[in-house]
C-alpha atoms as a PDB file:
ATOM      1  CA  MET A   1       0.000   0.000   0.000  1.00  0.00           C
ATOM      2  CA  SER A   2       1.395   3.420  -0.948  1.00  0.00           C
ATOM      3  CA  SER A   3       1.899   6.236   1.512  1.00  0.00           C
ATOM      4  CA  THR A   4      -0.845   8.275  -0.231  1.00  0.00           C
ATOM      5  CA  GLU A   5      -3.436   5.483   0.305  1.00  0.00           C
ATOM      6  CA  THR A   6      -2.328   5.126   3.927  1.00  0.00           C
ATOM      7  CA  GLN A   7      -2.780   8.860   4.540  1.00  0.00           C
ATOM      8  CA  GLN A   8      -6.257   8.777   2.932  1.00  0.00           C
ATOM      9  CA  LYS A   9      -7.222   5.793   5.081  1.00  0.00           C
ATOM     10  CA  ASP A  10      -6.048   7.427   8.313  1.00  0.00           C
ATOM     11  CA  ARG A  11      -7.448  10.847   7.506  1.00  0.00           C
ATOM     12  CA  PRO A  12     -10.439  11.804   9.746  1.00  0.00           C
ATOM     13  CA  GLY A  13     -13.781  11.610   7.897  1.00  0.00           C
ATOM     14  CA  SER A  14     -12.334   9.622   5.005  1.00  0.00           C
ATOM     15  CA  ARG A  15     -14.442   6.803   3.477  1.00  0.00           C
ATOM     16  CA  PRO A  16     -13.218   3.290   2.640  1.00  0.00           C
ATOM     17  CA  PRO A  17     -12.944   2.583  -1.086  1.00  0.00           C
ATOM     18  CA  GLY A  18     -16.283   1.697  -2.622  1.00  0.00           C
ATOM     19  CA  ARG A  19     -18.409   3.253   0.121  1.00  0.00           C
ATOM     20  CA  GLN A  20     -21.092   5.546  -1.171  1.00  0.00           C
ATOM     21  CA  LYS A  21     -21.755   8.975   0.189  1.00  0.00           C
ATOM     22  CA  GLY A  22     -24.386   8.972   2.944  1.00  0.00           C
ATOM     23  CA  GLU A  23     -23.860   5.297   3.740  1.00  0.00           C
ATOM     24  CA  ARG A  24     -22.451   6.106   7.180  1.00  0.00           C
ATOM     25  CA  ASP A  25     -25.855   7.555   8.196  1.00  0.00           C
ATOM     26  CA  ARG A  26     -27.857   4.567   6.956  1.00  0.00           C
ATOM     27  CA  ALA A  27     -27.463   2.364  10.052  1.00  0.00           C
ATOM     28  CA  PRO A  28     -28.874   4.932  12.542  1.00  0.00           C
ATOM     29  CA  HIS A  29     -31.673   5.710  10.093  1.00  0.00           C
ATOM     30  CA  ASP A  30     -32.565   2.005   9.716  1.00  0.00           C
ATOM     31  CA  THR A  31     -32.496   1.543  13.491  1.00  0.00           C
ATOM     32  CA  GLY A  32     -34.887   4.453  14.006  1.00  0.00           C
ATOM     33  CA  MET A  33     -37.211   3.155  11.308  1.00  0.00           C
ATOM     34  CA  ARG A  34     -37.203  -0.315  12.885  1.00  0.00           C
ATOM     35  CA  ARG A  35     -38.042   1.111  16.295  1.00  0.00           C
ATOM     36  CA  ARG A  36     -40.954   3.089  14.873  1.00  0.00           C
ATOM     37  CA  GLU A  37     -42.272  -0.050  13.153  1.00  0.00           C
ATOM     38  CA  GLU A  38     -42.005  -2.002  16.402  1.00  0.00           C
ATOM     39  CA  ARG A  39     -43.897   0.684  18.295  1.00  0.00           C
ATOM     40  CA  ALA A  40     -46.602   0.704  15.618  1.00  0.00           C
ATOM     41  CA  ALA A  41     -46.859  -3.099  15.807  1.00  0.00           C
ATOM     42  CA  TYR A  42     -47.309  -2.975  19.586  1.00  0.00           C
ATOM     43  CA  LEU A  43     -50.011  -0.329  19.197  1.00  0.00           C
ATOM     44  CA  PHE A  44     -51.917  -2.587  16.792  1.00  0.00           C
ATOM     45  CA  VAL A  45     -51.587  -5.570  19.163  1.00  0.00           C
ATOM     46  CA  LEU A  46     -52.459  -3.526  22.270  1.00  0.00           C
ATOM     47  CA  PRO A  47     -56.298  -3.787  21.928  1.00  0.00           C
ATOM     48  CA  PHE A  48     -56.042  -7.578  21.728  1.00  0.00           C
ATOM     49  CA  LEU A  49     -53.714  -7.689  24.735  1.00  0.00           C
ATOM     50  CA  ILE A  50     -56.101  -5.555  26.771  1.00  0.00           C
ATOM     51  CA  VAL A  51     -59.076  -7.771  25.950  1.00  0.00           C
ATOM     52  CA  PHE A  52     -57.002 -10.935  26.476  1.00  0.00           C
ATOM     53  CA  VAL A  53     -55.828  -9.850  29.906  1.00  0.00           C
ATOM     54  CA  ALA A  54     -59.203  -8.451  30.997  1.00  0.00           C
ATOM     55  CA  MET A  55     -61.352 -11.307  29.714  1.00  0.00           C
ATOM     56  CA  LEU A  56     -59.080 -14.313  30.165  1.00  0.00           C
ATOM     57  CA  VAL A  57     -56.022 -13.784  32.347  1.00  0.00           C
ATOM     58  CA  VAL A  58     -57.745 -11.834  35.129  1.00  0.00           C
ATOM     59  CA  PRO A  59     -60.814 -14.141  35.377  1.00  0.00           C
ATOM     60  CA  LEU A  60     -58.506 -17.161  35.249  1.00  0.00           C
ATOM     61  CA  ALA A  61     -56.334 -15.826  38.045  1.00  0.00           C
ATOM     62  CA  TYR A  62     -59.394 -14.926  40.116  1.00  0.00           C
ATOM     63  CA  SER A  63     -60.864 -18.391  39.537  1.00  0.00           C
ATOM     64  CA  GLY A  64     -57.606 -19.936  40.704  1.00  0.00           C
ATOM     65  CA  TYR A  65     -57.716 -17.750  43.781  1.00  0.00           C
ATOM     66  CA  LEU A  66     -61.290 -18.840  44.566  1.00  0.00           C
ATOM     67  CA  SER A  67     -60.405 -22.526  44.215  1.00  0.00           C
ATOM     68  CA  PHE A  68     -58.271 -22.365  47.389  1.00  0.00           C
ATOM     69  CA  PHE A  69     -61.167 -21.183  49.559  1.00  0.00           C
ATOM     70  CA  ARG A  70     -64.447 -22.601  50.760  1.00  0.00           C
ATOM     71  CA  GLN A  71     -67.715 -20.921  51.660  1.00  0.00           C
ATOM     72  CA  ARG A  72     -68.883 -22.323  54.978  1.00  0.00           C
ATOM     73  CA  LEU A  73     -72.318 -22.004  56.527  1.00  0.00           C
ATOM     74  CA  ILE A  74     -70.729 -20.763  59.733  1.00  0.00           C
ATOM     75  CA  GLY A  75     -67.514 -18.810  59.652  1.00  0.00           C
ATOM     76  CA  ALA A  76     -67.876 -17.235  56.200  1.00  0.00           C
ATOM     77  CA  THR A  77     -65.069 -17.959  53.706  1.00  0.00           C
ATOM     78  CA  SER A  78     -61.962 -19.802  54.854  1.00  0.00           C
ATOM     79  CA  PHE A  79     -58.735 -20.869  53.201  1.00  0.00           C
ATOM     80  CA  VAL A  80     -58.663 -24.646  52.597  1.00  0.00           C
ATOM     81  CA  GLY A  81     -55.623 -25.041  50.322  1.00  0.00           C
ATOM     82  CA  LEU A  82     -55.955 -28.058  48.020  1.00  0.00           C
ATOM     83  CA  GLU A  83     -59.036 -29.450  49.735  1.00  0.00           C
ATOM     84  CA  ASN A  84     -61.299 -28.618  46.789  1.00  0.00           C
ATOM     85  CA  TYR A  85     -58.936 -30.369  44.381  1.00  0.00           C
ATOM     86  CA  VAL A  86     -58.726 -33.464  46.583  1.00  0.00           C
ATOM     87  CA  ARG A  87     -62.506 -33.531  46.702  1.00  0.00           C
ATOM     88  CA  ALA A  88     -62.727 -33.189  42.924  1.00  0.00           C
ATOM     89  CA  VAL A  89     -60.443 -36.147  42.141  1.00  0.00           C
ATOM     90  CA  GLN A  90     -62.604 -38.233  44.480  1.00  0.00           C
ATOM     91  CA  ASP A  91     -65.901 -36.938  43.102  1.00  0.00           C
ATOM     92  CA  GLN A  92     -67.457 -39.808  41.132  1.00  0.00           C
ATOM     93  CA  THR A  93     -69.838 -37.484  39.299  1.00  0.00           C
ATOM     94  CA  PHE A  94     -66.944 -35.428  37.957  1.00  0.00           C
ATOM     95  CA  LEU A  95     -64.902 -38.525  37.064  1.00  0.00           C
ATOM     96  CA  ASP A  96     -67.862 -40.095  35.254  1.00  0.00           C
ATOM     97  CA  GLY A  97     -68.287 -36.905  33.229  1.00  0.00           C
ATOM     98  CA  VAL A  98     -64.600 -36.890  32.275  1.00  0.00           C
ATOM     99  CA  MET A  99     -64.699 -40.550  31.187  1.00  0.00           C
ATOM    100  CA  ARG A 100     -67.861 -39.888  29.198  1.00  0.00           C
ATOM    101  CA  MET A 101     -66.047 -37.123  27.357  1.00  0.00           C
ATOM    102  CA  VAL A 102     -63.068 -39.414  26.733  1.00  0.00           C
ATOM    103  CA  GLN A 103     -65.468 -41.858  25.090  1.00  0.00           C
ATOM    104  CA  PHE A 104     -66.955 -38.965  23.120  1.00  0.00           C
ATOM    105  CA  LEU A 105     -63.469 -37.946  22.006  1.00  0.00           C
ATOM    106  CA  LEU A 106     -62.431 -41.420  20.858  1.00  0.00           C
ATOM    107  CA  ILE A 107     -65.586 -41.970  18.792  1.00  0.00           C
ATOM    108  CA  GLN A 108     -66.854 -38.627  17.550  1.00  0.00           C
ATOM    109  CA  VAL A 109     -63.635 -36.777  16.725  1.00  0.00           C
ATOM    110  CA  PRO A 110     -62.211 -39.404  14.300  1.00  0.00           C
ATOM    111  CA  ILE A 111     -65.568 -39.623  12.491  1.00  0.00           C
ATOM    112  CA  MET A 112     -65.899 -35.844  12.235  1.00  0.00           C
ATOM    113  CA  LEU A 113     -62.337 -35.251  11.024  1.00  0.00           C
ATOM    114  CA  THR A 114     -62.571 -38.119   8.533  1.00  0.00           C
ATOM    115  CA  LEU A 115     -65.714 -36.615   7.031  1.00  0.00           C
ATOM    116  CA  SER A 116     -64.076 -33.181   6.944  1.00  0.00           C
ATOM    117  CA  LEU A 117     -61.007 -34.593   5.185  1.00  0.00           C
ATOM    118  CA  VAL A 118     -63.101 -36.509   2.635  1.00  0.00           C
ATOM    119  CA  PHE A 119     -65.226 -33.458   1.823  1.00  0.00           C
ATOM    120  CA  ALA A 120     -62.120 -31.274   1.503  1.00  0.00           C
ATOM    121  CA  LEU A 121     -60.466 -33.781  -0.856  1.00  0.00           C
ATOM    122  CA  ILE A 122     -63.604 -34.005  -2.990  1.00  0.00           C
ATOM    123  CA  LEU A 123     -63.842 -30.226  -3.253  1.00  0.00           C
ATOM    124  CA  ASP A 124     -60.121 -29.902  -3.996  1.00  0.00           C
ATOM    125  CA  SER A 125     -60.331 -32.430  -6.842  1.00  0.00           C
ATOM    126  CA  GLY A 126     -62.169 -29.847  -8.947  1.00  0.00           C
ATOM    127  CA  ARG A 127     -64.462 -32.481 -10.468  1.00  0.00           C
ATOM    128  CA  LEU A 128     -67.529 -31.622  -8.432  1.00  0.00           C
ATOM    129  CA  ARG A 129     -70.319 -29.618 -10.013  1.00  0.00           C
ATOM    130  CA  LEU A 130     -71.736 -26.652  -8.123  1.00  0.00           C
ATOM    131  CA  GLN A 131     -68.610 -26.649  -5.995  1.00  0.00           C
ATOM    132  CA  ARG A 132     -69.292 -23.314  -4.317  1.00  0.00           C
ATOM    133  CA  PHE A 133     -72.841 -24.303  -3.437  1.00  0.00           C
ATOM    134  CA  VAL A 134     -71.703 -27.632  -1.983  1.00  0.00           C
ATOM    135  CA  ARG A 135     -68.922 -25.980   0.028  1.00  0.00           C
ATOM    136  CA  LEU A 136     -71.334 -23.406   1.429  1.00  0.00           C
ATOM    137  CA  SER A 137     -73.936 -26.084   2.211  1.00  0.00           C
ATOM    138  CA  ILE A 138     -71.421 -28.078   4.259  1.00  0.00           C
ATOM    139  CA  PHE A 139     -70.206 -24.969   6.085  1.00  0.00           C
ATOM    140  CA  VAL A 140     -73.636 -23.445   6.846  1.00  0.00           C
ATOM    141  CA  PRO A 141     -74.369 -25.663   9.920  1.00  0.00           C
ATOM    142  CA  TYR A 142     -71.347 -24.110  11.647  1.00  0.00           C
ATOM    143  CA  ALA A 143     -72.995 -20.688  11.264  1.00  0.00           C
ATOM    144  CA  VAL A 144     -76.007 -21.927  13.229  1.00  0.00           C
ATOM    145  CA  PRO A 145     -75.569 -21.056  16.948  1.00  0.00           C
ATOM    146  CA  GLY A 146     -75.025 -24.070  19.162  1.00  0.00           C
ATOM    147  CA  VAL A 147     -78.183 -23.422  21.192  1.00  0.00           C
ATOM    148  CA  ILE A 148     -80.320 -23.213  18.042  1.00  0.00           C
ATOM    149  CA  ALA A 149     -78.745 -26.405  16.682  1.00  0.00           C
ATOM    150  CA  ALA A 150     -79.446 -28.250  19.936  1.00  0.00           C
ATOM    151  CA  LEU A 151     -83.061 -27.034  19.962  1.00  0.00           C
ATOM    152  CA  MET A 152     -83.546 -28.061  16.347  1.00  0.00           C
ATOM    153  CA  TRP A 153     -82.120 -31.536  16.864  1.00  0.00           C
ATOM    154  CA  GLY A 154     -84.021 -31.871  20.131  1.00  0.00           C
ATOM    155  CA  TYR A 155     -87.200 -31.361  18.135  1.00  0.00           C
ATOM    156  CA  LEU A 156     -86.108 -33.947  15.559  1.00  0.00           C
ATOM    157  CA  TYR A 157     -85.216 -36.421  18.314  1.00  0.00           C
ATOM    158  CA  GLY A 158     -88.509 -35.913  20.180  1.00  0.00           C
ATOM    159  CA  ARG A 159     -90.340 -39.169  20.888  1.00  0.00           C
ATOM    160  CA  ASP A 160     -93.797 -37.592  21.110  1.00  0.00           C
ATOM    161  CA  PHE A 161     -93.620 -34.800  18.529  1.00  0.00           C
ATOM    162  CA  GLY A 162     -90.498 -35.344  16.405  1.00  0.00           C
ATOM    163  CA  PRO A 163     -90.823 -36.096  12.677  1.00  0.00           C
ATOM    164  CA  PHE A 164     -88.920 -39.387  13.034  1.00  0.00           C
ATOM    165  CA  ALA A 165     -91.388 -40.534  15.675  1.00  0.00           C
ATOM    166  CA  GLN A 166     -94.357 -39.439  13.557  1.00  0.00           C
ATOM    167  CA  VAL A 167     -93.081 -41.346  10.528  1.00  0.00           C
ATOM    168  CA  ALA A 168     -92.494 -44.439  12.675  1.00  0.00           C
ATOM    169  CA  ARG A 169     -96.045 -44.295  14.036  1.00  0.00           C
ATOM    170  CA  ALA A 170     -97.429 -43.858  10.538  1.00  0.00           C
ATOM    171  CA  LEU A 171     -95.672 -47.100   9.613  1.00  0.00           C
ATOM    172  CA  ASP A 172     -96.921 -48.828  12.785  1.00  0.00           C
ATOM    173  CA  MET A 173     -93.408 -48.987  14.189  1.00  0.00           C
ATOM    174  CA  ALA A 174     -92.034 -48.067  17.572  1.00  0.00           C
ATOM    175  CA  PRO A 175     -90.563 -44.541  17.640  1.00  0.00           C
ATOM    176  CA  PRO A 176     -86.746 -44.432  17.732  1.00  0.00           C
ATOM    177  CA  GLN A 177     -85.206 -43.916  21.155  1.00  0.00           C
ATOM    178  CA  PHE A 178     -82.771 -41.104  20.323  1.00  0.00           C
ATOM    179  CA  LEU A 179     -82.965 -39.713  23.877  1.00  0.00           C
ATOM    180  CA  SER A 180     -82.546 -42.940  25.809  1.00  0.00           C
ATOM    181  CA  HIS A 181     -79.669 -43.715  28.184  1.00  0.00           C
ATOM    182  CA  GLU A 182     -77.987 -45.967  25.630  1.00  0.00           C
ATOM    183  CA  VAL A 183     -78.265 -43.610  22.640  1.00  0.00           C
ATOM    184  CA  MET A 184     -78.102 -40.118  24.170  1.00  0.00           C
ATOM    185  CA  LEU A 185     -74.325 -39.754  23.897  1.00  0.00           C
ATOM    186  CA  TYR A 186     -74.428 -40.752  20.221  1.00  0.00           C
ATOM    187  CA  SER A 187     -77.272 -38.319  19.584  1.00  0.00           C
ATOM    188  CA  ILE A 188     -75.091 -35.518  20.977  1.00  0.00           C
ATOM    189  CA  MET A 189     -72.199 -36.770  18.816  1.00  0.00           C
ATOM    190  CA  ASN A 190     -74.442 -36.390  15.772  1.00  0.00           C
ATOM    191  CA  ILE A 191     -75.274 -32.769  16.661  1.00  0.00           C
ATOM    192  CA  VAL A 192     -71.621 -31.827  17.189  1.00  0.00           C
ATOM    193  CA  THR A 193     -70.541 -33.596  13.996  1.00  0.00           C
ATOM    194  CA  TRP A 194     -73.265 -31.860  11.983  1.00  0.00           C
ATOM    195  CA  SER A 195     -72.202 -28.488  13.382  1.00  0.00           C
ATOM    196  CA  PHE A 196     -68.416 -28.701  13.019  1.00  0.00           C
ATOM    197  CA  VAL A 197     -67.697 -30.813   9.935  1.00  0.00           C
ATOM    198  CA  GLY A 198     -67.848 -27.718   7.738  1.00  0.00           C
ATOM    199  CA  TYR A 199     -65.570 -25.684  10.008  1.00  0.00           C
ATOM    200  CA  ASN A 200     -62.852 -28.339   9.983  1.00  0.00           C
ATOM    201  CA  MET A 201     -63.357 -28.909   6.268  1.00  0.00           C
ATOM    202  CA  ILE A 202     -62.580 -25.251   5.526  1.00  0.00           C
ATOM    203  CA  ILE A 203     -59.306 -25.456   7.480  1.00  0.00           C
ATOM    204  CA  ILE A 204     -58.218 -28.613   5.649  1.00  0.00           C
ATOM    205  CA  PHE A 205     -59.393 -27.264   2.287  1.00  0.00           C
ATOM    206  CA  ALA A 206     -57.330 -24.095   2.767  1.00  0.00           C
ATOM    207  CA  ALA A 207     -54.275 -26.255   3.483  1.00  0.00           C
ATOM    208  CA  LEU A 208     -54.924 -28.274   0.318  1.00  0.00           C
ATOM    209  CA  ARG A 209     -55.092 -25.128  -1.802  1.00  0.00           C
ATOM    210  CA  ALA A 210     -51.613 -24.166  -0.584  1.00  0.00           C
ATOM    211  CA  ILE A 211     -50.001 -27.320  -2.021  1.00  0.00           C
ATOM    212  CA  PRO A 212     -48.024 -26.599  -5.239  1.00  0.00           C
ATOM    213  CA  THR A 213     -49.847 -27.988  -8.268  1.00  0.00           C
ATOM    214  CA  GLU A 214     -46.504 -29.129  -9.727  1.00  0.00           C
ATOM    215  CA  LEU A 215     -46.577 -32.057  -7.313  1.00  0.00           C
ATOM    216  CA  TYR A 216     -49.904 -33.229  -8.704  1.00  0.00           C
ATOM    217  CA  GLU A 217     -48.735 -32.870 -12.286  1.00  0.00           C
ATOM    218  CA  ALA A 218     -45.555 -34.830 -11.617  1.00  0.00           C
ATOM    219  CA  ALA A 219     -47.530 -37.608  -9.913  1.00  0.00           C
ATOM    220  CA  ARG A 220     -50.036 -37.828 -12.788  1.00  0.00           C
ATOM    221  CA  VAL A 221     -47.205 -37.994 -15.297  1.00  0.00           C
ATOM    222  CA  ASP A 222     -45.918 -41.011 -13.356  1.00  0.00           C
ATOM    223  CA  GLY A 223     -49.341 -42.619 -13.752  1.00  0.00           C
ATOM    224  CA  ALA A 224     -50.836 -41.910 -10.304  1.00  0.00           C
ATOM    225  CA  GLY A 225     -54.603 -41.652 -10.114  1.00  0.00           C
ATOM    226  CA  GLU A 226     -56.654 -39.292  -7.954  1.00  0.00           C
ATOM    227  CA  VAL A 227     -56.833 -41.723  -5.041  1.00  0.00           C
ATOM    228  CA  ARG A 228     -53.086 -42.278  -5.119  1.00  0.00           C
ATOM    229  CA  VAL A 229     -52.405 -38.528  -5.329  1.00  0.00           C
ATOM    230  CA  ALA A 230     -54.697 -37.898  -2.379  1.00  0.00           C
ATOM    231  CA  TRP A 231     -53.145 -40.648  -0.259  1.00  0.00           C
ATOM    232  CA  SER A 232     -49.477 -40.007  -1.073  1.00  0.00           C
ATOM    233  CA  ILE A 233     -49.377 -36.218  -1.559  1.00  0.00           C
ATOM    234  CA  LYS A 234     -52.433 -34.408  -0.259  1.00  0.00           C
ATOM    235  CA  ILE A 235     -53.016 -36.129   3.070  1.00  0.00           C
ATOM    236  CA  PRO A 236     -49.328 -35.996   4.175  1.00  0.00           C
ATOM    237  CA  ALA A 237     -49.197 -32.325   3.169  1.00  0.00           C
ATOM    238  CA  VAL A 238     -52.186 -31.366   5.341  1.00  0.00           C
ATOM    239  CA  ARG A 239     -50.948 -33.076   8.519  1.00  0.00           C
ATOM    240  CA  PRO A 240     -50.397 -29.721  10.288  1.00  0.00           C
ATOM    241  CA  ALA A 241     -54.010 -28.763   9.502  1.00  0.00           C
ATOM    242  CA  LEU A 242     -55.237 -32.141  10.750  1.00  0.00           C
ATOM    243  CA  LEU A 243     -53.227 -31.680  13.948  1.00  0.00           C
ATOM    244  CA  LEU A 244     -54.718 -28.212  14.430  1.00  0.00           C
ATOM    245  CA  THR A 245     -58.288 -29.450  13.939  1.00  0.00           C
ATOM    246  CA  THR A 246     -57.618 -32.368  16.295  1.00  0.00           C
ATOM    247  CA  ILE A 247     -56.442 -30.051  19.067  1.00  0.00           C
ATOM    248  CA  PHE A 248     -59.452 -27.783  18.523  1.00  0.00           C
ATOM    249  CA  SER A 249     -61.699 -30.851  18.718  1.00  0.00           C
ATOM    250  CA  VAL A 250     -60.078 -32.020  21.962  1.00  0.00           C
ATOM    251  CA  ILE A 251     -60.692 -28.620  23.545  1.00  0.00           C
ATOM    252  CA  GLY A 252     -64.266 -28.485  22.265  1.00  0.00           C
ATOM    253  CA  THR A 253     -65.039 -32.004  23.486  1.00  0.00           C
ATOM    254  CA  PHE A 254     -64.142 -31.366  27.105  1.00  0.00           C
ATOM    255  CA  GLN A 255     -65.936 -28.003  27.001  1.00  0.00           C
ATOM    256  CA  LEU A 256     -69.184 -29.549  25.751  1.00  0.00           C
ATOM    257  CA  PHE A 257     -72.076 -27.644  27.325  1.00  0.00           C
ATOM    258  CA  ASN A 258     -74.829 -26.311  25.048  1.00  0.00           C
ATOM    259  CA  GLU A 259     -76.030 -29.625  23.629  1.00  0.00           C
ATOM    260  CA  PRO A 260     -76.449 -31.559  26.918  1.00  0.00           C
ATOM    261  CA  ASN A 261     -77.816 -28.477  28.677  1.00  0.00           C
ATOM    262  CA  ILE A 262     -80.566 -28.034  26.066  1.00  0.00           C
ATOM    263  CA  LEU A 263     -81.397 -31.734  25.734  1.00  0.00           C
ATOM    264  CA  ARG A 264     -81.592 -32.003  29.505  1.00  0.00           C
ATOM    265  CA  SER A 265     -84.890 -30.113  29.430  1.00  0.00           C
ATOM    266  CA  ILE A 266     -86.269 -32.777  27.072  1.00  0.00           C
ATOM    267  CA  ALA A 267     -84.786 -35.812  28.816  1.00  0.00           C
ATOM    268  CA  PRO A 268     -84.070 -34.802  32.440  1.00  0.00           C
ATOM    269  CA  ASN A 269     -83.901 -38.419  33.600  1.00  0.00           C
ATOM    270  CA  VAL A 270     -81.109 -39.196  31.128  1.00  0.00           C
ATOM    271  CA  ILE A 271     -78.867 -36.149  31.420  1.00  0.00           C
ATOM    272  CA  GLY A 272     -77.936 -35.378  34.996  1.00  0.00           C
ATOM    273  CA  VAL A 273     -76.203 -32.367  36.514  1.00  0.00           C
ATOM    274  CA  GLY A 274     -72.779 -33.915  35.871  1.00  0.00           C
ATOM    275  CA  TYR A 275     -73.282 -35.349  32.398  1.00  0.00           C
ATOM    276  CA  THR A 276     -70.253 -33.362  31.209  1.00  0.00           C
ATOM    277  CA  PRO A 277     -67.574 -31.688  33.375  1.00  0.00           C
ATOM    278  CA  ASN A 278     -68.465 -28.245  32.056  1.00  0.00           C
ATOM    279  CA  LEU A 279     -72.153 -28.769  32.809  1.00  0.00           C
ATOM    280  CA  TYR A 280     -71.221 -30.017  36.277  1.00  0.00           C
ATOM    281  CA  ALA A 281     -69.146 -26.910  37.021  1.00  0.00           C
ATOM    282  CA  TYR A 282     -72.002 -24.697  35.803  1.00  0.00           C
ATOM    283  CA  ASN A 283     -74.551 -26.411  38.042  1.00  0.00           C
ATOM    284  CA  LEU A 284     -72.204 -26.271  41.023  1.00  0.00           C
ATOM    285  CA  ALA A 285     -71.586 -22.540  40.607  1.00  0.00           C
ATOM    286  CA  PHE A 286     -75.017 -21.195  39.637  1.00  0.00           C
ATOM    287  CA  ILE A 287     -77.417 -23.730  41.138  1.00  0.00           C
ATOM    288  CA  GLY A 288     -75.557 -25.319  44.038  1.00  0.00           C
ATOM    289  CA  ARG A 289     -73.813 -22.034  44.942  1.00  0.00           C
ATOM    290  CA  GLU A 290     -70.500 -23.878  45.399  1.00  0.00           C
ATOM    291  CA  ILE A 291     -68.433 -21.323  43.542  1.00  0.00           C
ATOM    292  CA  ASN A 292     -65.111 -22.318  45.092  1.00  0.00           C
ATOM    293  CA  TYR A 293     -65.529 -25.996  44.306  1.00  0.00           C
ATOM    294  CA  ALA A 294     -66.709 -25.146  40.782  1.00  0.00           C
ATOM    295  CA  ALA A 295     -63.508 -23.121  40.284  1.00  0.00           C
ATOM    296  CA  ALA A 296     -61.430 -26.149  41.299  1.00  0.00           C
ATOM    297  CA  ILE A 297     -63.419 -28.342  38.871  1.00  0.00           C
ATOM    298  CA  ALA A 298     -62.765 -25.823  36.083  1.00  0.00           C
ATOM    299  CA  PHE A 299     -59.032 -25.779  36.801  1.00  0.00           C
ATOM    300  CA  LEU A 300     -58.833 -29.556  36.829  1.00  0.00           C
ATOM    301  CA  LEU A 301     -60.756 -29.656  33.570  1.00  0.00           C
ATOM    302  CA  GLY A 302     -58.282 -27.211  32.045  1.00  0.00           C
ATOM    303  CA  THR A 303     -55.433 -29.434  33.198  1.00  0.00           C
ATOM    304  CA  VAL A 304     -57.055 -32.453  31.524  1.00  0.00           C
ATOM    305  CA  ILE A 305     -57.498 -30.494  28.289  1.00  0.00           C
ATOM    306  CA  MET A 306     -53.852 -29.369  28.274  1.00  0.00           C
ATOM    307  CA  ALA A 307     -52.616 -32.892  29.013  1.00  0.00           C
ATOM    308  CA  VAL A 308     -54.671 -34.531  26.260  1.00  0.00           C
ATOM    309  CA  SER A 309     -53.762 -31.798  23.751  1.00  0.00           C
ATOM    310  CA  TYR A 310     -50.078 -32.226  24.598  1.00  0.00           C
ATOM    311  CA  VAL A 311     -50.284 -36.003  24.136  1.00  0.00           C
ATOM    312  CA  VAL A 312     -51.986 -35.556  20.751  1.00  0.00           C
ATOM    313  CA  GLN A 313     -49.391 -33.036  19.584  1.00  0.00           C
ATOM    314  CA  LEU A 314     -46.481 -35.126  20.867  1.00  0.00           C
ATOM    315  CA  SER A 315     -47.711 -38.286  19.151  1.00  0.00           C
ATOM    316  CA  ALA A 316     -48.186 -36.381  15.890  1.00  0.00           C
ATOM    317  CA  LEU A 317     -44.639 -34.992  16.050  1.00  0.00           C
ATOM    318  CA  ARG A 318     -43.225 -38.465  16.709  1.00  0.00           C
ATOM    319  CA  LYS A 319     -45.063 -39.892  13.698  1.00  0.00           C
ATOM    320  CA  GLU A 320     -43.776 -37.045  11.547  1.00  0.00           C
ATOM    321  CA  ARG A 321     -40.175 -37.679  12.637  1.00  0.00           C
ATOM    322  CA  ARG A 322     -40.479 -41.379  11.916  1.00  0.00           C
ATOM    323  CA  SER A 323     -41.818 -40.710   8.452  1.00  0.00           C
END
């Protein structure tokens, strides 16, 4: 290096070769711009955070606080520690409700998600006429509020006034026992499946539309038919969507409330106060006035939901790693 280049390099305010004028001010400018963007992002997220904290975190913390106390007839409210939780794990009504929901989960969820996957694959094939009408028809039941759906199906299930019962009597047959002890759980499964097949189908269908069409074309060039393409390409590609819908279904199963609560007015001898854990907590809090014990039931129910969701997610990740 010549002495002239060395002097230029050491001279205060000199620029390295190839550096453009104004480049030395770019880093502070970019940092300021990034900070302004971050502040704007936090401002956009702030309304959600406020609602999330006010409507979920605070009530959850207060419910946890209540679960450690007990309202006594004499002596007002007293701290009992884990007594409510010990009582809950020994409460046969609560345990029966949890096991009933486990049975619901093992039967209803696979049927519902299978139907959703099949409908999504049929719509994605592009060979169905009136595709938009069919897609909307499958999704419309989800737009019906859960209470309205339960009332509607309660009318259809009715032994004295339901259309199925009327048709059976017209044919001199015994009316179907949709609201009996043996069939009630399956009748509720039918309502939930009817309501949520379209919702899960939309999630899976959106995942299918994101798959590159080049994969389909390459498979068809190799001689693969539609069934083979669906089994080898489409279904493996939508595993994240299937996992998401499964977790949503697990949460919804253990939070089942509207359907048994509505049908209870039609068949009170079949659906008791603890038919589902959520219904049991509701009856404890608002009918039995055992708010503290109901809070403990709710927390235990949340723990069960988190545990089952974690097991489902962990098993799905293990299968994905093996494949």
